[in-house]
C-alpha atoms as a PDB file:
ATOM      1  CA  UNK A   1       0.000   0.000   0.000  1.00  0.00           C
ATOM      2  CA  UNK A   2       1.214   3.487  -0.860  1.00  0.00           C
ATOM      3  CA  UNK A   3       0.653   5.790   2.109  1.00  0.00           C
ATOM      4  CA  UNK A   4      -0.680   8.798   0.248  1.00  0.00           C
ATOM      5  CA  UNK A   5      -0.810  10.572  -3.091  1.00  0.00           C
ATOM      6  CA  UNK A   6       2.064  12.871  -2.144  1.00  0.00           C
ATOM      7  CA  UNK A   7       4.244   9.829  -1.510  1.00  0.00           C
ATOM      8  CA  UNK A   8       3.241   8.396  -4.865  1.00  0.00           C
ATOM      9  CA  UNK A   9       4.377  11.559  -6.625  1.00  0.00           C
ATOM     10  CA  UNK A  10       7.595  11.846  -4.584  1.00  0.00           C
ATOM     11  CA  UNK A  11       8.611   8.409  -5.794  1.00  0.00           C
ATOM     12  CA  UNK A  12       9.649  10.108  -9.000  1.00  0.00           C
ATOM     13  CA  UNK A  13      11.781  12.903  -7.530  1.00  0.00           C
ATOM     14  CA  UNK A  14      13.436  11.870  -4.241  1.00  0.00           C
ATOM     15  CA  UNK A  15      16.874  10.251  -3.900  1.00  0.00           C
ATOM     16  CA  UNK A  16      15.314   7.274  -2.136  1.00  0.00           C
ATOM     17  CA  UNK A  17      13.622   6.107  -5.323  1.00  0.00           C
ATOM     18  CA  UNK A  18      14.984   6.238  -8.857  1.00  0.00           C
ATOM     19  CA  UNK A  19      12.725   7.236 -11.725  1.00  0.00           C
ATOM     20  CA  UNK A  20      12.621   3.632 -12.900  1.00  0.00           C
ATOM     21  CA  UNK A  21      11.718   2.427  -9.415  1.00  0.00           C
ATOM     22  CA  UNK A  22       8.864   4.918  -9.166  1.00  0.00           C
ATOM     23  CA  UNK A  23       7.522   3.860 -12.544  1.00  0.00           C
ATOM     24  CA  UNK A  24       7.808   0.215 -11.516  1.00  0.00           C
ATOM     25  CA  UNK A  25       5.684   0.825  -8.419  1.00  0.00           C
ATOM     26  CA  UNK A  26       3.001   2.698 -10.373  1.00  0.00           C
ATOM     27  CA  UNK A  27       3.029   0.017 -13.056  1.00  0.00           C
ATOM     28  CA  UNK A  28       2.492  -2.639 -10.405  1.00  0.00           C
ATOM     29  CA  UNK A  29      -0.401  -0.627  -8.978  1.00  0.00           C
ATOM     30  CA  UNK A  30      -1.937  -0.332 -12.475  1.00  0.00           C
ATOM     31  CA  UNK A  31      -1.662  -4.102 -12.950  1.00  0.00           C
ATOM     32  CA  UNK A  32      -3.322  -4.792  -9.618  1.00  0.00           C
ATOM     33  CA  UNK A  33      -6.023  -2.236 -10.447  1.00  0.00           C
ATOM     34  CA  UNK A  34      -6.755  -4.088 -13.688  1.00  0.00           C
ATOM     35  CA  UNK A  35      -6.854  -7.411 -11.890  1.00  0.00           C
ATOM     36  CA  UNK A  36      -9.260  -6.043  -9.303  1.00  0.00           C
ATOM     37  CA  UNK A  37     -11.466  -4.650 -12.069  1.00  0.00           C
ATOM     38  CA  UNK A  38     -11.701  -8.076 -13.686  1.00  0.00           C
ATOM     39  CA  UNK A  39     -12.563  -9.632 -10.319  1.00  0.00           C
ATOM     40  CA  UNK A  40     -15.435  -7.159  -9.973  1.00  0.00           C
ATOM     41  CA  UNK A  41     -16.835  -8.220 -13.349  1.00  0.00           C
ATOM     42  CA  UNK A  42     -15.461  -5.647 -15.762  1.00  0.00           C
ATOM     43  CA  UNK A  43     -14.639  -7.055 -19.193  1.00  0.00           C
ATOM     44  CA  UNK A  44     -11.945  -4.546 -20.153  1.00  0.00           C
ATOM     45  CA  UNK A  45      -9.995  -1.729 -18.511  1.00  0.00           C
ATOM     46  CA  UNK A  46      -7.494   0.816 -19.808  1.00  0.00           C
ATOM     47  CA  UNK A  47      -5.752   3.958 -18.609  1.00  0.00           C
ATOM     48  CA  UNK A  48      -4.999   7.252 -20.351  1.00  0.00           C
ATOM     49  CA  UNK A  49      -3.460  10.590 -19.443  1.00  0.00           C
ATOM     50  CA  UNK A  50      -6.124  13.202 -18.712  1.00  0.00           C
ATOM     51  CA  UNK A  51      -5.406  15.483 -21.649  1.00  0.00           C
ATOM     52  CA  UNK A  52      -8.220  16.300 -24.050  1.00  0.00           C
ATOM     53  CA  UNK A  53      -7.236  16.035 -27.692  1.00  0.00           C
ATOM     54  CA  UNK A  54      -8.524  15.688 -31.230  1.00  0.00           C
ATOM     55  CA  UNK A  55     -11.928  14.372 -30.114  1.00  0.00           C
ATOM     56  CA  UNK A  56     -12.796  17.864 -28.873  1.00  0.00           C
ATOM     57  CA  UNK A  57     -12.392  19.331 -32.371  1.00  0.00           C
ATOM     58  CA  UNK A  58     -14.417  16.496 -33.918  1.00  0.00           C
ATOM     59  CA  UNK A  59     -17.186  17.154 -31.425  1.00  0.00           C
ATOM     60  CA  UNK A  60     -17.200  20.851 -32.287  1.00  0.00           C
ATOM     61  CA  UNK A  61     -17.523  20.029 -35.987  1.00  0.00           C
ATOM     62  CA  UNK A  62     -20.391  17.613 -35.263  1.00  0.00           C
ATOM     63  CA  UNK A  63     -22.198  20.220 -33.179  1.00  0.00           C
ATOM     64  CA  UNK A  64     -21.683  22.899 -35.842  1.00  0.00           C
ATOM     65  CA  UNK A  65     -23.560  20.720 -38.347  1.00  0.00           C
ATOM     66  CA  UNK A  66     -26.506  20.383 -35.954  1.00  0.00           C
ATOM     67  CA  UNK A  67     -26.132  16.610 -35.858  1.00  0.00           C
ATOM     68  CA  UNK A  68     -26.953  16.576 -32.138  1.00  0.00           C
ATOM     69  CA  UNK A  69     -30.602  17.504 -32.912  1.00  0.00           C
ATOM     70  CA  UNK A  70     -32.054  18.839 -29.646  1.00  0.00           C
ATOM     71  CA  UNK A  71     -29.586  17.047 -27.368  1.00  0.00           C
ATOM     72  CA  UNK A  72     -28.268  20.380 -26.130  1.00  0.00           C
ATOM     73  CA  UNK A  73     -26.299  18.743 -23.344  1.00  0.00           C
ATOM     74  CA  UNK A  74     -23.844  17.506 -25.977  1.00  0.00           C
ATOM     75  CA  UNK A  75     -22.566  21.093 -26.258  1.00  0.00           C
ATOM     76  CA  UNK A  76     -21.507  21.234 -22.607  1.00  0.00           C
ATOM     77  CA  UNK A  77     -17.896  22.589 -22.587  1.00  0.00           C
ATOM     78  CA  UNK A  78     -16.904  19.911 -20.060  1.00  0.00           C
ATOM     79  CA  UNK A  79     -17.281  17.316 -22.808  1.00  0.00           C
ATOM     80  CA  UNK A  80     -14.451  19.007 -24.684  1.00  0.00           C
ATOM     81  CA  UNK A  81     -12.120  19.512 -21.720  1.00  0.00           C
ATOM     82  CA  UNK A  82     -11.799  16.826 -19.060  1.00  0.00           C
ATOM     83  CA  UNK A  83     -10.142  19.305 -16.702  1.00  0.00           C
ATOM     84  CA  UNK A  84     -13.465  21.126 -16.395  1.00  0.00           C
ATOM     85  CA  UNK A  85     -14.929  17.946 -14.960  1.00  0.00           C
ATOM     86  CA  UNK A  86     -12.167  17.625 -12.372  1.00  0.00           C
ATOM     87  CA  UNK A  87      -9.365  20.249 -12.404  1.00  0.00           C
ATOM     88  CA  UNK A  88      -6.877  18.025 -10.535  1.00  0.00           C
ATOM     89  CA  UNK A  89      -7.426  14.939 -12.713  1.00  0.00           C
ATOM     90  CA  UNK A  90      -4.258  13.189 -13.886  1.00  0.00           C
ATOM     91  CA  UNK A  91      -5.562   9.853 -15.198  1.00  0.00           C
ATOM     92  CA  UNK A  92      -8.745   8.601 -16.827  1.00  0.00           C
ATOM     93  CA  UNK A  93      -9.515   4.939 -16.146  1.00  0.00           C
ATOM     94  CA  UNK A  94     -11.883   3.590 -18.807  1.00  0.00           C
ATOM     95  CA  UNK A  95     -13.861   0.405 -18.234  1.00  0.00           C
ATOM     96  CA  UNK A  96     -16.135  -1.752 -20.352  1.00  0.00           C
ATOM     97  CA  UNK A  97     -18.650  -4.457 -19.483  1.00  0.00           C
ATOM     98  CA  UNK A  98     -20.039  -6.955 -21.987  1.00  0.00           C
ATOM     99  CA  UNK A  99     -23.851  -6.943 -21.869  1.00  0.00           C
ATOM    100  CA  UNK A 100     -24.711  -9.369 -24.679  1.00  0.00           C
ATOM    101  CA  UNK A 101     -27.252 -12.122 -24.031  1.00  0.00           C
ATOM    102  CA  UNK A 102     -28.137 -14.597 -26.835  1.00  0.00           C
ATOM    103  CA  UNK A 103     -31.777 -13.866 -27.582  1.00  0.00           C
ATOM    104  CA  UNK A 104     -33.217 -12.824 -30.919  1.00  0.00           C
ATOM    105  CA  UNK A 105     -35.805 -10.314 -32.000  1.00  0.00           C
ATOM    106  CA  UNK A 106     -39.031 -11.738 -33.344  1.00  0.00           C
ATOM    107  CA  UNK A 107     -39.734 -11.496 -37.062  1.00  0.00           C
ATOM    108  CA  UNK A 108     -43.455 -11.306 -36.288  1.00  0.00           C
ATOM    109  CA  UNK A 109     -44.700  -7.936 -37.532  1.00  0.00           C
ATOM    110  CA  UNK A 110     -47.011  -7.630 -34.523  1.00  0.00           C
ATOM    111  CA  UNK A 111     -44.029  -7.508 -32.145  1.00  0.00           C
ATOM    112  CA  UNK A 112     -41.870  -4.516 -31.332  1.00  0.00           C
ATOM    113  CA  UNK A 113     -38.097  -4.494 -31.005  1.00  0.00           C
ATOM    114  CA  UNK A 114     -36.174  -3.168 -28.021  1.00  0.00           C
ATOM    115  CA  UNK A 115     -32.452  -2.462 -28.192  1.00  0.00           C
ATOM    116  CA  UNK A 116     -30.352  -5.022 -26.342  1.00  0.00           C
ATOM    117  CA  UNK A 117     -28.946  -2.425 -23.970  1.00  0.00           C
ATOM    118  CA  UNK A 118     -32.407  -2.051 -22.413  1.00  0.00           C
ATOM    119  CA  UNK A 119     -33.352  -5.711 -22.057  1.00  0.00           C
ATOM    120  CA  UNK A 120     -32.226  -6.156 -18.460  1.00  0.00           C
ATOM    121  CA  UNK A 121     -31.478  -4.115 -15.367  1.00  0.00           C
ATOM    122  CA  UNK A 122     -30.500  -0.452 -15.708  1.00  0.00           C
ATOM    123  CA  UNK A 123     -26.785  -0.427 -16.562  1.00  0.00           C
ATOM    124  CA  UNK A 124     -26.306   2.862 -14.721  1.00  0.00           C
ATOM    125  CA  UNK A 125     -27.107   1.094 -11.455  1.00  0.00           C
ATOM    126  CA  UNK A 126     -25.148  -2.082 -12.192  1.00  0.00           C
ATOM    127  CA  UNK A 127     -21.957  -0.375 -13.364  1.00  0.00           C
ATOM    128  CA  UNK A 128     -22.297   2.338 -10.741  1.00  0.00           C
ATOM    129  CA  UNK A 129     -22.001  -0.229  -7.939  1.00  0.00           C
ATOM    130  CA  UNK A 130     -19.040  -1.888  -9.628  1.00  0.00           C
ATOM    131  CA  UNK A 131     -17.229   1.417 -10.175  1.00  0.00           C
ATOM    132  CA  UNK A 132     -17.833   2.488  -6.595  1.00  0.00           C
ATOM    133  CA  UNK A 133     -16.192  -0.700  -5.325  1.00  0.00           C
ATOM    134  CA  UNK A 134     -13.208  -0.191  -7.632  1.00  0.00           C
ATOM    135  CA  UNK A 135     -12.796   3.397  -6.426  1.00  0.00           C
ATOM    136  CA  UNK A 136     -12.896   2.228  -2.818  1.00  0.00           C
ATOM    137  CA  UNK A 137     -10.220  -0.357  -3.571  1.00  0.00           C
ATOM    138  CA  UNK A 138      -7.954   2.229  -5.242  1.00  0.00           C
ATOM    139  CA  UNK A 139      -8.435   4.735  -2.425  1.00  0.00           C
ATOM    140  CA  UNK A 140      -7.520   1.965  -0.008  1.00  0.00           C
ATOM    141  CA  UNK A 141      -4.318   1.276  -1.913  1.00  0.00           C
ATOM    142  CA  UNK A 142      -3.228   4.921  -2.115  1.00  0.00           C
ATOM    143  CA  UNK A 143      -4.367   7.055   0.792  1.00  0.00           C
ATOM    144  CA  UNK A 144      -5.315  10.669   0.135  1.00  0.00           C
ATOM    145  CA  UNK A 145      -6.154  10.415  -3.558  1.00  0.00           C
ATOM    146  CA  UNK A 146      -9.389  11.623  -5.132  1.00  0.00           C
ATOM    147  CA  UNK A 147     -11.559   9.512  -7.427  1.00  0.00           C
ATOM    148  CA  UNK A 148     -14.832  10.215  -9.216  1.00  0.00           C
ATOM    149  CA  UNK A 149     -16.774   7.691 -11.273  1.00  0.00           C
ATOM    150  CA  UNK A 150     -19.357   8.072 -14.020  1.00  0.00           C
ATOM    151  CA  UNK A 151     -21.670   5.837 -16.065  1.00  0.00           C
ATOM    152  CA  UNK A 152     -23.095   7.889 -18.893  1.00  0.00           C
ATOM    153  CA  UNK A 153     -24.006  10.425 -16.201  1.00  0.00           C
ATOM    154  CA  UNK A 154     -21.648  13.302 -16.997  1.00  0.00           C
ATOM    155  CA  UNK A 155     -20.446  15.237 -20.059  1.00  0.00           C
ATOM    156  CA  UNK A 156     -17.486  12.977 -20.836  1.00  0.00           C
ATOM    157  CA  UNK A 157     -16.479  11.809 -24.323  1.00  0.00           C
ATOM    158  CA  UNK A 158     -16.417   8.231 -23.034  1.00  0.00           C
ATOM    159  CA  UNK A 159     -15.903   6.479 -26.366  1.00  0.00           C
ATOM    160  CA  UNK A 160     -12.932   8.689 -27.229  1.00  0.00           C
ATOM    161  CA  UNK A 161     -11.362   8.058 -23.829  1.00  0.00           C
ATOM    162  CA  UNK A 162     -11.986   4.316 -24.167  1.00  0.00           C
ATOM    163  CA  UNK A 163     -10.183   4.258 -27.518  1.00  0.00           C
ATOM    164  CA  UNK A 164      -7.303   6.266 -26.100  1.00  0.00           C
ATOM    165  CA  UNK A 165      -7.064   3.792 -23.215  1.00  0.00           C
ATOM    166  CA  UNK A 166      -6.793   0.860 -25.635  1.00  0.00           C
ATOM    167  CA  UNK A 167     -10.171  -0.739 -24.898  1.00  0.00           C
ATOM    168  CA  UNK A 168     -11.355  -0.601 -28.508  1.00  0.00           C
ATOM    169  CA  UNK A 169     -11.979   1.818 -31.343  1.00  0.00           C
ATOM    170  CA  UNK A 170     -14.862   4.004 -32.455  1.00  0.00           C
ATOM    171  CA  UNK A 171     -16.447   2.296 -35.443  1.00  0.00           C
ATOM    172  CA  UNK A 172     -18.011   3.872 -38.508  1.00  0.00           C
ATOM    173  CA  UNK A 173     -21.389   3.632 -36.751  1.00  0.00           C
ATOM    174  CA  UNK A 174     -19.898   5.755 -33.907  1.00  0.00           C
ATOM    175  CA  UNK A 175     -20.153   2.939 -31.328  1.00  0.00           C
ATOM    176  CA  UNK A 176     -17.082   1.626 -29.557  1.00  0.00           C
ATOM    177  CA  UNK A 177     -15.962  -1.769 -30.894  1.00  0.00           C
ATOM    178  CA  UNK A 178     -13.802  -4.224 -28.963  1.00  0.00           C
ATOM    179  CA  UNK A 179     -12.140  -7.202 -30.565  1.00  0.00           C
ATOM    180  CA  UNK A 180     -13.315  -9.565 -27.813  1.00  0.00           C
ATOM    181  CA  UNK A 181     -16.912  -8.421 -27.289  1.00  0.00           C
ATOM    182  CA  UNK A 182     -17.771  -6.436 -30.394  1.00  0.00           C
ATOM    183  CA  UNK A 183     -19.776  -3.317 -29.651  1.00  0.00           C
ATOM    184  CA  UNK A 184     -22.031  -4.938 -27.038  1.00  0.00           C
ATOM    185  CA  UNK A 185     -20.350  -3.119 -24.157  1.00  0.00           C
ATOM    186  CA  UNK A 186     -21.332  -0.535 -21.578  1.00  0.00           C
ATOM    187  CA  UNK A 187     -18.712   2.069 -20.681  1.00  0.00           C
ATOM    188  CA  UNK A 188     -17.777   3.754 -17.438  1.00  0.00           C
ATOM    189  CA  UNK A 189     -14.957   6.018 -16.281  1.00  0.00           C
ATOM    190  CA  UNK A 190     -12.991   6.826 -13.153  1.00  0.00           C
ATOM    191  CA  UNK A 191     -11.197  10.152 -12.909  1.00  0.00           C
ATOM    192  CA  UNK A 192      -8.368  10.398 -10.397  1.00  0.00           C
ATOM    193  CA  UNK A 193      -5.584  12.768  -9.381  1.00  0.00           C
ATOM    194  CA  UNK A 194      -3.220   9.790  -9.226  1.00  0.00           C
ATOM    195  CA  UNK A 195      -0.881   9.621 -12.208  1.00  0.00           C
ATOM    196  CA  UNK A 196      -0.868   6.080 -13.569  1.00  0.00           C
ATOM    197  CA  UNK A 197       1.074   4.685 -16.558  1.00  0.00           C
ATOM    198  CA  UNK A 198      -1.130   5.000 -19.667  1.00  0.00           C
ATOM    199  CA  UNK A 199      -1.980   2.238 -22.094  1.00  0.00           C
ATOM    200  CA  UNK A 200      -1.505   2.528 -25.838  1.00  0.00           C
ATOM    201  CA  UNK A 201      -4.476   3.837 -27.864  1.00  0.00           C
ATOM    202  CA  UNK A 202      -6.347   1.259 -29.933  1.00  0.00           C
ATOM    203  CA  UNK A 203      -6.002   1.623 -33.721  1.00  0.00           C
ATOM    204  CA  UNK A 204      -9.138   1.893 -35.861  1.00  0.00           C
ATOM    205  CA  UNK A 205      -9.867  -1.461 -37.508  1.00  0.00           C
ATOM    206  CA  UNK A 206     -12.973  -1.009 -39.635  1.00  0.00           C
ATOM    207  CA  UNK A 207     -10.951  -0.963 -42.833  1.00  0.00           C
ATOM    208  CA  UNK A 208     -13.052  -0.691 -45.989  1.00  0.00           C
ATOM    209  CA  UNK A 209     -16.149  -2.212 -44.388  1.00  0.00           C
ATOM    210  CA  UNK A 210     -19.298  -0.118 -44.704  1.00  0.00           C
ATOM    211  CA  UNK A 211     -21.964  -2.651 -43.713  1.00  0.00           C
ATOM    212  CA  UNK A 212     -23.301  -0.405 -40.945  1.00  0.00           C
ATOM    213  CA  UNK A 213     -23.534   2.585 -43.298  1.00  0.00           C
ATOM    214  CA  UNK A 214     -25.423   0.640 -45.946  1.00  0.00           C
ATOM    215  CA  UNK A 215     -27.744  -1.106 -43.466  1.00  0.00           C
ATOM    216  CA  UNK A 216     -29.132   2.035 -41.827  1.00  0.00           C
ATOM    217  CA  UNK A 217     -32.682   2.462 -43.187  1.00  0.00           C
ATOM    218  CA  UNK A 218     -32.686   6.229 -42.601  1.00  0.00           C
ATOM    219  CA  UNK A 219     -29.112   6.931 -43.800  1.00  0.00           C
ATOM    220  CA  UNK A 220     -28.240   8.367 -40.405  1.00  0.00           C
ATOM    221  CA  UNK A 221     -24.533   7.571 -40.875  1.00  0.00           C
ATOM    222  CA  UNK A 222     -23.785  10.471 -43.194  1.00  0.00           C
ATOM    223  CA  UNK A 223     -20.145   9.474 -43.602  1.00  0.00           C
ATOM    224  CA  UNK A 224     -17.837   7.027 -41.835  1.00  0.00           C
ATOM    225  CA  UNK A 225     -17.743   7.736 -38.074  1.00  0.00           C
ATOM    226  CA  UNK A 226     -20.390  10.492 -38.291  1.00  0.00           C
ATOM    227  CA  UNK A 227     -24.033   9.976 -37.234  1.00  0.00           C
ATOM    228  CA  UNK A 228     -26.738  12.576 -37.737  1.00  0.00           C
ATOM    229  CA  UNK A 229     -29.128  12.206 -34.792  1.00  0.00           C
ATOM    230  CA  UNK A 230     -31.852  13.932 -36.803  1.00  0.00           C
ATOM    231  CA  UNK A 231     -32.055  10.775 -38.940  1.00  0.00           C
ATOM    232  CA  UNK A 232     -31.301   8.187 -36.246  1.00  0.00           C
ATOM    233  CA  UNK A 233     -34.018   5.745 -35.146  1.00  0.00           C
ATOM    234  CA  UNK A 234     -32.405   5.337 -31.714  1.00  0.00           C
ATOM    235  CA  UNK A 235     -32.454   9.084 -31.131  1.00  0.00           C
ATOM    236  CA  UNK A 236     -36.072   9.490 -32.187  1.00  0.00           C
ATOM    237  CA  UNK A 237     -37.437   6.534 -30.216  1.00  0.00           C
ATOM    238  CA  UNK A 238     -35.587   7.517 -27.019  1.00  0.00           C
ATOM    239  CA  UNK A 239     -34.650  11.197 -26.940  1.00  0.00           C
ATOM    240  CA  UNK A 240     -37.215  12.871 -29.186  1.00  0.00           C
ATOM    241  CA  UNK A 241     -39.890  14.256 -26.854  1.00  0.00           C
ATOM    242  CA  UNK A 242     -42.252  15.485 -29.560  1.00  0.00           C
ATOM    243  CA  UNK A 243     -45.817  14.177 -29.751  1.00  0.00           C
ATOM    244  CA  UNK A 244     -45.255  12.909 -33.281  1.00  0.00           C
ATOM    245  CA  UNK A 245     -42.237  11.462 -35.069  1.00  0.00           C
ATOM    246  CA  UNK A 246     -41.039  12.946 -38.375  1.00  0.00           C
ATOM    247  CA  UNK A 247     -42.768  11.172 -41.253  1.00  0.00           C
ATOM    248  CA  UNK A 248     -39.442  10.109 -42.796  1.00  0.00           C
ATOM    249  CA  UNK A 249     -38.556   8.321 -39.561  1.00  0.00           C
ATOM    250  CA  UNK A 250     -42.009   6.950 -38.742  1.00  0.00           C
ATOM    251  CA  UNK A 251     -42.136   5.124 -42.079  1.00  0.00           C
ATOM    252  CA  UNK A 252     -38.801   3.360 -41.508  1.00  0.00           C
ATOM    253  CA  UNK A 253     -38.785   2.272 -37.870  1.00  0.00           C
ATOM    254  CA  UNK A 254     -38.712  -1.414 -38.839  1.00  0.00           C
ATOM    255  CA  UNK A 255     -40.537  -2.256 -35.577  1.00  0.00           C
ATOM    256  CA  UNK A 256     -37.979  -0.557 -33.304  1.00  0.00           C
ATOM    257  CA  UNK A 257     -39.896   0.969 -30.385  1.00  0.00           C
ATOM    258  CA  UNK A 258     -36.925   1.616 -28.070  1.00  0.00           C
ATOM    259  CA  UNK A 259     -33.522   2.239 -29.570  1.00  0.00           C
ATOM    260  CA  UNK A 260     -32.098   0.503 -32.631  1.00  0.00           C
ATOM    261  CA  UNK A 261     -29.360  -2.118 -33.080  1.00  0.00           C
ATOM    262  CA  UNK A 262     -29.302  -2.423 -36.868  1.00  0.00           C
ATOM    263  CA  UNK A 263     -25.828  -0.949 -37.347  1.00  0.00           C
ATOM    264  CA  UNK A 264     -24.453  -3.192 -34.594  1.00  0.00           C
ATOM    265  CA  UNK A 265     -26.172  -6.363 -35.767  1.00  0.00           C
ATOM    266  CA  UNK A 266     -24.496  -6.211 -39.178  1.00  0.00           C
ATOM    267  CA  UNK A 267     -21.020  -5.451 -37.795  1.00  0.00           C
ATOM    268  CA  UNK A 268     -18.543  -8.295 -38.507  1.00  0.00           C
ATOM    269  CA  UNK A 269     -17.071  -7.898 -35.026  1.00  0.00           C
ATOM    270  CA  UNK A 270     -20.457  -8.849 -33.558  1.00  0.00           C
ATOM    271  CA  UNK A 271     -20.782 -12.136 -35.456  1.00  0.00           C
ATOM    272  CA  UNK A 272     -19.395 -14.298 -32.643  1.00  0.00           C
ATOM    273  CA  UNK A 273     -20.608 -12.553 -29.509  1.00  0.00           C
ATOM    274  CA  UNK A 274     -19.747 -13.756 -26.033  1.00  0.00           C
ATOM    275  CA  UNK A 275     -22.490 -14.043 -23.455  1.00  0.00           C
ATOM    276  CA  UNK A 276     -22.218 -11.570 -20.592  1.00  0.00           C
ATOM    277  CA  UNK A 277     -21.250 -12.864 -17.165  1.00  0.00           C
ATOM    278  CA  UNK A 278     -23.509 -10.233 -15.596  1.00  0.00           C
ATOM    279  CA  UNK A 279     -26.835 -11.885 -14.756  1.00  0.00           C
ATOM    280  CA  UNK A 280     -28.485  -8.471 -14.273  1.00  0.00           C
ATOM    281  CA  UNK A 281     -28.230  -7.870 -18.024  1.00  0.00           C
ATOM    282  CA  UNK A 282     -30.265 -10.960 -18.894  1.00  0.00           C
ATOM    283  CA  UNK A 283     -33.516  -9.789 -20.498  1.00  0.00           C
ATOM    284  CA  UNK A 284     -36.703  -9.309 -18.557  1.00  0.00           C
ATOM    285  CA  UNK A 285     -39.371 -11.448 -20.315  1.00  0.00           C
ATOM    286  CA  UNK A 286     -41.579  -8.423 -20.999  1.00  0.00           C
ATOM    287  CA  UNK A 287     -38.745  -6.696 -22.876  1.00  0.00           C
ATOM    288  CA  UNK A 288     -38.347  -9.476 -25.424  1.00  0.00           C
ATOM    289  CA  UNK A 289     -40.632  -9.030 -28.410  1.00  0.00           C
ATOM    290  CA  UNK A 290     -43.405  -6.958 -26.758  1.00  0.00           C
ATOM    291  CA  UNK A 291     -46.768  -6.764 -28.480  1.00  0.00           C
ATOM    292  CA  UNK A 292     -47.031  -3.529 -30.465  1.00  0.00           C
ATOM    293  CA  UNK A 293     -50.724  -3.172 -29.770  1.00  0.00           C
ATOM    294  CA  UNK A 294     -50.115  -3.378 -26.032  1.00  0.00           C
ATOM    295  CA  UNK A 295     -47.380  -0.759 -26.208  1.00  0.00           C
ATOM    296  CA  UNK A 296     -49.614   1.462 -28.318  1.00  0.00           C
ATOM    297  CA  UNK A 297     -52.085   1.521 -25.417  1.00  0.00           C
ATOM    298  CA  UNK A 298     -49.726   1.246 -22.435  1.00  0.00           C
ATOM    299  CA  UNK A 299     -50.847   3.116 -19.320  1.00  0.00           C
ATOM    300  CA  UNK A 300     -48.699   4.903 -16.757  1.00  0.00           C
ATOM    301  CA  UNK A 301     -49.264   2.057 -14.289  1.00  0.00           C
ATOM    302  CA  UNK A 302     -48.380  -0.649 -16.823  1.00  0.00           C
ATOM    303  CA  UNK A 303     -45.264   1.269 -17.868  1.00  0.00           C
ATOM    304  CA  UNK A 304     -44.200   1.614 -14.238  1.00  0.00           C
ATOM    305  CA  UNK A 305     -44.519  -2.141 -13.650  1.00  0.00           C
ATOM    306  CA  UNK A 306     -42.938  -3.305 -16.888  1.00  0.00           C
ATOM    307  CA  UNK A 307     -39.898  -1.035 -16.802  1.00  0.00           C
ATOM    308  CA  UNK A 308     -39.110  -0.991 -13.103  1.00  0.00           C
ATOM    309  CA  UNK A 309     -35.335  -0.930 -12.606  1.00  0.00           C
ATOM    310  CA  UNK A 310     -34.790  -0.500 -16.340  1.00  0.00           C
ATOM    311  CA  UNK A 311     -32.789   2.046 -18.338  1.00  0.00           C
ATOM    312  CA  UNK A 312     -35.885   2.229 -20.553  1.00  0.00           C
ATOM    313  CA  UNK A 313     -37.606   4.403 -17.969  1.00  0.00           C
ATOM    314  CA  UNK A 314     -36.004   7.235 -19.906  1.00  0.00           C
ATOM    315  CA  UNK A 315     -38.639   6.521 -22.564  1.00  0.00           C
ATOM    316  CA  UNK A 316     -41.890   7.833 -21.125  1.00  0.00           C
ATOM    317  CA  UNK A 317     -45.254   6.100 -21.656  1.00  0.00           C
ATOM    318  CA  UNK A 318     -46.453   8.603 -24.247  1.00  0.00           C
ATOM    319  CA  UNK A 319     -43.259   8.040 -26.257  1.00  0.00           C
ATOM    320  CA  UNK A 320     -43.757   4.275 -26.260  1.00  0.00           C
ATOM    321  CA  UNK A 321     -47.355   4.737 -27.363  1.00  0.00           C
ATOM    322  CA  UNK A 322     -46.225   7.175 -30.050  1.00  0.00           C
ATOM    323  CA  UNK A 323     -43.521   4.825 -31.348  1.00  0.00           C
ATOM    324  CA  UNK A 324     -45.753   1.754 -31.410  1.00  0.00           C
ATOM    325  CA  UNK A 325     -48.625   3.647 -33.024  1.00  0.00           C
ATOM    326  CA  UNK A 326     -46.294   4.969 -35.737  1.00  0.00           C
ATOM    327  CA  UNK A 327     -45.194   1.421 -36.583  1.00  0.00           C
ATOM    328  CA  UNK A 328     -48.759   0.118 -36.648  1.00  0.00           C
ATOM    329  CA  UNK A 329     -49.894   2.994 -38.843  1.00  0.00           C
ATOM    330  CA  UNK A 330     -46.995   2.507 -41.262  1.00  0.00           C
ATOM    331  CA  UNK A 331     -47.717  -1.226 -41.545  1.00  0.00           C
ATOM    332  CA  UNK A 332     -51.416  -0.650 -42.125  1.00  0.00           C
ATOM    333  CA  UNK A 333     -50.603   1.827 -44.886  1.00  0.00           C
ATOM    334  CA  UNK A 334     -48.348  -0.718 -46.594  1.00  0.00           C
ATOM    335  CA  UNK A 335     -51.051  -3.389 -46.275  1.00  0.00           C
ATOM    336  CA  UNK A 336     -53.521  -1.176 -48.110  1.00  0.00           C
END
């Protein structure tokens, strides 16, 4: 155990420890941190220096084109500068958890489709508990340090940090892809004022593949690595709070009532998925192939029961009714 953060930093500048010895101690701590993360159930972990880079400029370009639709929180300056999140931060610890469970969407036109991320228990709660335990372990190893953890709950460019930490790379569909688990991963971060040895960034490995671009029914992927939320089914079924969906979207939902996995399902790196070890991510029966007609008429009470403890509570009852009704109307029009 290292007594405190000051001692950790002094390892690099006092006669008692050489520079190589200090690096060796921090490297050992990083290895034990990664081992502890795996013991807690994390699938992947990586470390990067807390210095914002090229992702900030890419985000500014994306915002300038209006591709964030009405997700105004994407313009928060903290997303472009990690130091605004935590001024004393020295390292960003990125973590990923595989959430894939081997169930399939129904091909029955009377059933709706829910994105895999929302099948089981709310990932914010599951990962939050895991991250808290990892922070407690690290603070126990090095007294006096500061840690803060996040699970999609703060303006952090988590996919960019995950790529920089070597976990995977941002694919052409804008999701993070890992070689071991494809893109079926949840991400979380720990910010700390402890300076840890960084991992190497992961190279982009999509090559010439454009399956995700060609598969999108609304052409939301305007160019490789760039998604226009204004055309994205996932955005409209989850984040769009309007009473009615745009006609161009409503006609091409392809039975997706909550999110959309089309671009992930066609990805070659998702062809041999590994089943998650996290039982909480196993699907609730009601979230597999729900009846569209039932969703089109769902009440507040029914919604509260069906989506208790679910990340899908972000989608309010009127949105589910709206989405399901749009699909039913589009199918009835085609039938005529």
